[in-house]
N, C-alpha and C. Protein backbone atom coordinates (compact mmCIF):
# COMPACT_ATOMS: atom_id res chain seq x y z
N MET A 1 0.88 -1.33 0.03
CA MET A 1 0.11 -0.06 -0.01
C MET A 1 0.64 1.06 0.08
N ASP A 2 0.33 2.34 -0.59
CA ASP A 2 1.15 3.51 -0.62
C ASP A 2 0.46 4.52 0.75
N GLY A 3 0.83 5.54 0.86
CA GLY A 3 0.70 6.25 1.95
C GLY A 3 -0.66 6.54 2.32
N ASP A 4 -1.59 6.79 1.28
CA ASP A 4 -2.94 7.02 1.64
C ASP A 4 -3.88 5.93 1.59
N GLY A 5 -3.16 4.57 1.80
CA GLY A 5 -4.12 3.58 2.01
C GLY A 5 -4.66 2.91 0.86
N SER A 6 -4.21 3.27 -0.47
CA SER A 6 -4.63 2.74 -1.58
C SER A 6 -3.67 1.83 -1.99
N PHE A 7 -4.27 0.72 -2.87
CA PHE A 7 -3.58 -0.27 -3.75
C PHE A 7 -3.89 -0.64 -5.22
N THR A 8 -3.38 -0.65 -5.94
CA THR A 8 -3.77 -0.93 -7.29
C THR A 8 -2.98 -2.46 -7.80
N PHE A 9 -3.95 -3.34 -8.26
CA PHE A 9 -3.65 -4.59 -8.79
C PHE A 9 -3.48 -4.34 -10.20
N THR A 10 -2.43 -4.87 -10.73
CA THR A 10 -2.18 -4.79 -12.15
C THR A 10 -2.07 -5.95 -12.80
N GLY A 11 -2.09 -6.05 -14.17
CA GLY A 11 -1.81 -7.31 -14.88
C GLY A 11 -2.77 -8.40 -14.66
N LEU A 12 -3.94 -8.23 -14.16
CA LEU A 12 -4.82 -9.25 -13.88
C LEU A 12 -5.60 -9.57 -15.29
N PRO A 13 -5.73 -10.84 -15.66
CA PRO A 13 -6.59 -11.20 -16.71
C PRO A 13 -7.90 -10.71 -16.84
N ASN A 14 -8.46 -10.57 -17.72
CA ASN A 14 -10.00 -10.21 -17.94
C ASN A 14 -10.74 -11.66 -18.04
N PHE A 15 -10.35 -12.59 -18.62
CA PHE A 15 -10.97 -13.97 -19.14
C PHE A 15 -10.11 -15.03 -18.50
N ASP A 16 -10.72 -16.09 -18.20
CA ASP A 16 -9.99 -17.35 -17.78
C ASP A 16 -9.73 -18.05 -19.04
N ALA A 17 -9.14 -19.15 -18.81
CA ALA A 17 -8.67 -20.24 -20.08
C ALA A 17 -9.80 -20.49 -20.97
N LYS A 18 -11.25 -20.60 -20.38
CA LYS A 18 -12.21 -21.17 -21.44
C LYS A 18 -12.79 -19.74 -21.80
N GLY A 19 -12.00 -18.76 -21.65
CA GLY A 19 -13.16 -17.38 -22.15
C GLY A 19 -14.00 -16.76 -21.32
N ILE A 20 -14.26 -17.27 -20.19
CA ILE A 20 -15.17 -16.62 -19.20
C ILE A 20 -14.69 -15.58 -18.35
N GLU A 21 -15.39 -14.49 -18.54
CA GLU A 21 -14.86 -13.10 -17.73
C GLU A 21 -14.52 -13.50 -16.34
N ILE A 22 -13.55 -13.11 -15.61
CA ILE A 22 -13.18 -13.08 -14.39
C ILE A 22 -13.79 -12.10 -13.75
N ALA A 23 -14.60 -12.13 -12.51
CA ALA A 23 -15.29 -11.35 -11.84
C ALA A 23 -14.37 -11.19 -10.44
N TYR A 24 -13.72 -10.00 -10.40
CA TYR A 24 -12.72 -9.86 -9.05
C TYR A 24 -13.53 -9.06 -7.91
N SER A 25 -13.31 -9.39 -6.87
CA SER A 25 -13.74 -8.49 -5.80
C SER A 25 -12.68 -8.43 -4.44
N VAL A 26 -13.04 -7.68 -3.62
CA VAL A 26 -11.70 -7.34 -2.59
C VAL A 26 -12.57 -7.73 -1.38
N ASP A 27 -11.86 -7.86 -0.25
CA ASP A 27 -11.93 -7.90 1.19
C ASP A 27 -10.93 -7.64 2.02
N GLU A 28 -10.80 -7.60 3.26
CA GLU A 28 -9.88 -6.99 4.31
C GLU A 28 -10.11 -8.03 5.44
N VAL A 29 -9.18 -8.84 5.54
CA VAL A 29 -9.06 -9.61 6.82
C VAL A 29 -8.49 -9.02 7.94
N GLY A 30 -8.75 -9.51 9.15
CA GLY A 30 -7.80 -8.91 10.42
C GLY A 30 -8.16 -7.55 10.70
N VAL A 31 -9.40 -7.03 10.50
CA VAL A 31 -9.53 -5.65 10.89
C VAL A 31 -9.49 -5.50 12.29
N PRO A 32 -8.83 -4.46 12.67
CA PRO A 32 -8.45 -4.13 14.07
C PRO A 32 -9.67 -4.07 14.95
N GLU A 33 -9.54 -4.42 16.33
CA GLU A 33 -10.58 -4.15 17.16
C GLU A 33 -11.17 -2.97 17.30
N GLY A 34 -12.42 -2.58 17.62
CA GLY A 34 -12.99 -1.48 17.59
C GLY A 34 -13.11 -0.66 16.42
N TYR A 35 -12.91 -1.37 15.12
CA TYR A 35 -13.34 -0.78 14.08
C TYR A 35 -14.43 -2.03 13.28
N GLU A 36 -15.13 -1.23 12.21
CA GLU A 36 -16.10 -2.21 11.83
C GLU A 36 -15.77 -1.86 10.07
N LYS A 37 -15.71 -2.98 9.09
CA LYS A 37 -15.75 -2.76 7.82
C LYS A 37 -16.53 -2.89 7.23
N SER A 38 -16.42 -1.86 6.06
CA SER A 38 -17.72 -1.58 4.94
C SER A 38 -17.25 -1.74 3.46
N ILE A 39 -17.71 -2.58 2.84
CA ILE A 39 -17.16 -2.84 1.32
C ILE A 39 -18.33 -2.17 0.53
N GLU A 40 -17.94 -1.27 -0.50
CA GLU A 40 -18.72 -0.87 -1.69
C GLU A 40 -17.89 -1.07 -2.80
N GLY A 41 -18.29 -2.05 -3.56
CA GLY A 41 -17.18 -2.07 -4.89
C GLY A 41 -15.96 -2.29 -4.45
N THR A 42 -15.18 -1.55 -4.90
CA THR A 42 -13.57 -1.85 -4.71
C THR A 42 -13.39 -0.91 -3.50
N THR A 43 -13.98 -0.13 -2.82
CA THR A 43 -13.72 0.66 -1.64
C THR A 43 -13.92 -0.18 -0.31
N ILE A 44 -12.95 -0.22 0.42
CA ILE A 44 -13.30 -0.89 1.89
C ILE A 44 -12.89 0.32 2.65
N THR A 45 -13.96 0.55 3.65
CA THR A 45 -13.90 1.62 4.66
C THR A 45 -13.90 0.86 6.12
N ASN A 46 -12.87 1.51 6.76
CA ASN A 46 -12.96 0.93 8.44
C ASN A 46 -13.44 2.06 9.17
N ILE A 47 -14.51 1.89 9.81
CA ILE A 47 -15.13 2.65 10.51
C ILE A 47 -14.88 2.49 12.07
N HIS A 48 -14.28 3.33 12.78
CA HIS A 48 -14.02 3.31 14.11
C HIS A 48 -15.00 4.10 15.16
N THR A 49 -15.87 3.34 15.83
CA THR A 49 -16.69 3.58 16.86
C THR A 49 -16.27 3.71 18.21
N PRO A 50 -15.68 4.85 18.65
CA PRO A 50 -15.34 4.86 20.00
C PRO A 50 -16.21 4.60 21.21
N ALA A 51 -15.81 3.49 22.14
CA ALA A 51 -16.71 3.15 23.43
C ALA A 51 -17.28 4.37 23.96
N VAL A 52 -18.44 4.43 24.48
CA VAL A 52 -18.97 5.30 25.08
C VAL A 52 -19.58 4.83 26.61
N ARG A 53 -19.80 5.92 27.51
CA ARG A 53 -20.15 5.42 28.85
C ARG A 53 -21.08 6.55 29.27
N MET A 54 -22.07 5.95 30.33
CA MET A 54 -22.87 6.99 30.90
C MET A 54 -22.26 7.37 32.22
N VAL A 55 -22.34 8.95 32.21
CA VAL A 55 -22.02 9.64 33.64
C VAL A 55 -23.21 10.33 34.09
N SER A 56 -23.17 10.19 35.21
CA SER A 56 -24.51 10.70 36.02
C SER A 56 -23.74 12.17 37.04
N VAL A 57 -24.82 13.01 36.89
CA VAL A 57 -24.37 14.24 37.56
C VAL A 57 -25.56 14.80 38.20
N THR A 58 -25.12 15.61 39.27
CA THR A 58 -26.31 16.17 39.91
C THR A 58 -25.97 17.79 40.06
N LYS A 59 -26.97 18.52 39.76
CA LYS A 59 -26.83 19.82 39.70
C LYS A 59 -27.34 20.63 40.89
N ALA A 60 -26.54 21.50 41.60
CA ALA A 60 -27.00 22.37 42.81
C ALA A 60 -27.01 23.69 42.41
N TRP A 61 -28.19 24.43 42.66
CA TRP A 61 -28.17 25.80 42.49
C TRP A 61 -27.78 26.66 43.72
N ASP A 62 -26.81 27.30 43.64
CA ASP A 62 -26.23 28.16 44.74
C ASP A 62 -26.67 29.73 44.23
N ASP A 63 -27.69 30.25 44.39
CA ASP A 63 -28.26 31.45 44.02
C ASP A 63 -28.93 32.51 44.86
N LEU A 64 -29.17 31.89 46.10
CA LEU A 64 -29.55 32.55 47.06
C LEU A 64 -30.98 32.84 47.40
N ASP A 65 -31.61 31.79 46.70
CA ASP A 65 -32.90 31.85 46.69
C ASP A 65 -33.66 30.79 47.55
C-alpha cells in the first residue's frame, strides 16, 4: 500500500482459460478491534466507533433563593 492506504492490482486477466470473464472482488481480513469494515465495490472503509459510557451528574443551584 502507499501512504494514503490505496493499492492497485495490475496485470490481472479479464478472462479465464475457457474465455469466461473473471469477476474480481476485494476483502480485508484482520480488521483491528474497535473498527467495523464496510465494502462498497472496490472501496473498503474501516469505521472506528469509540466506546461510550454514561456519566451521572447532580446539579446544585447556589443563587441565594
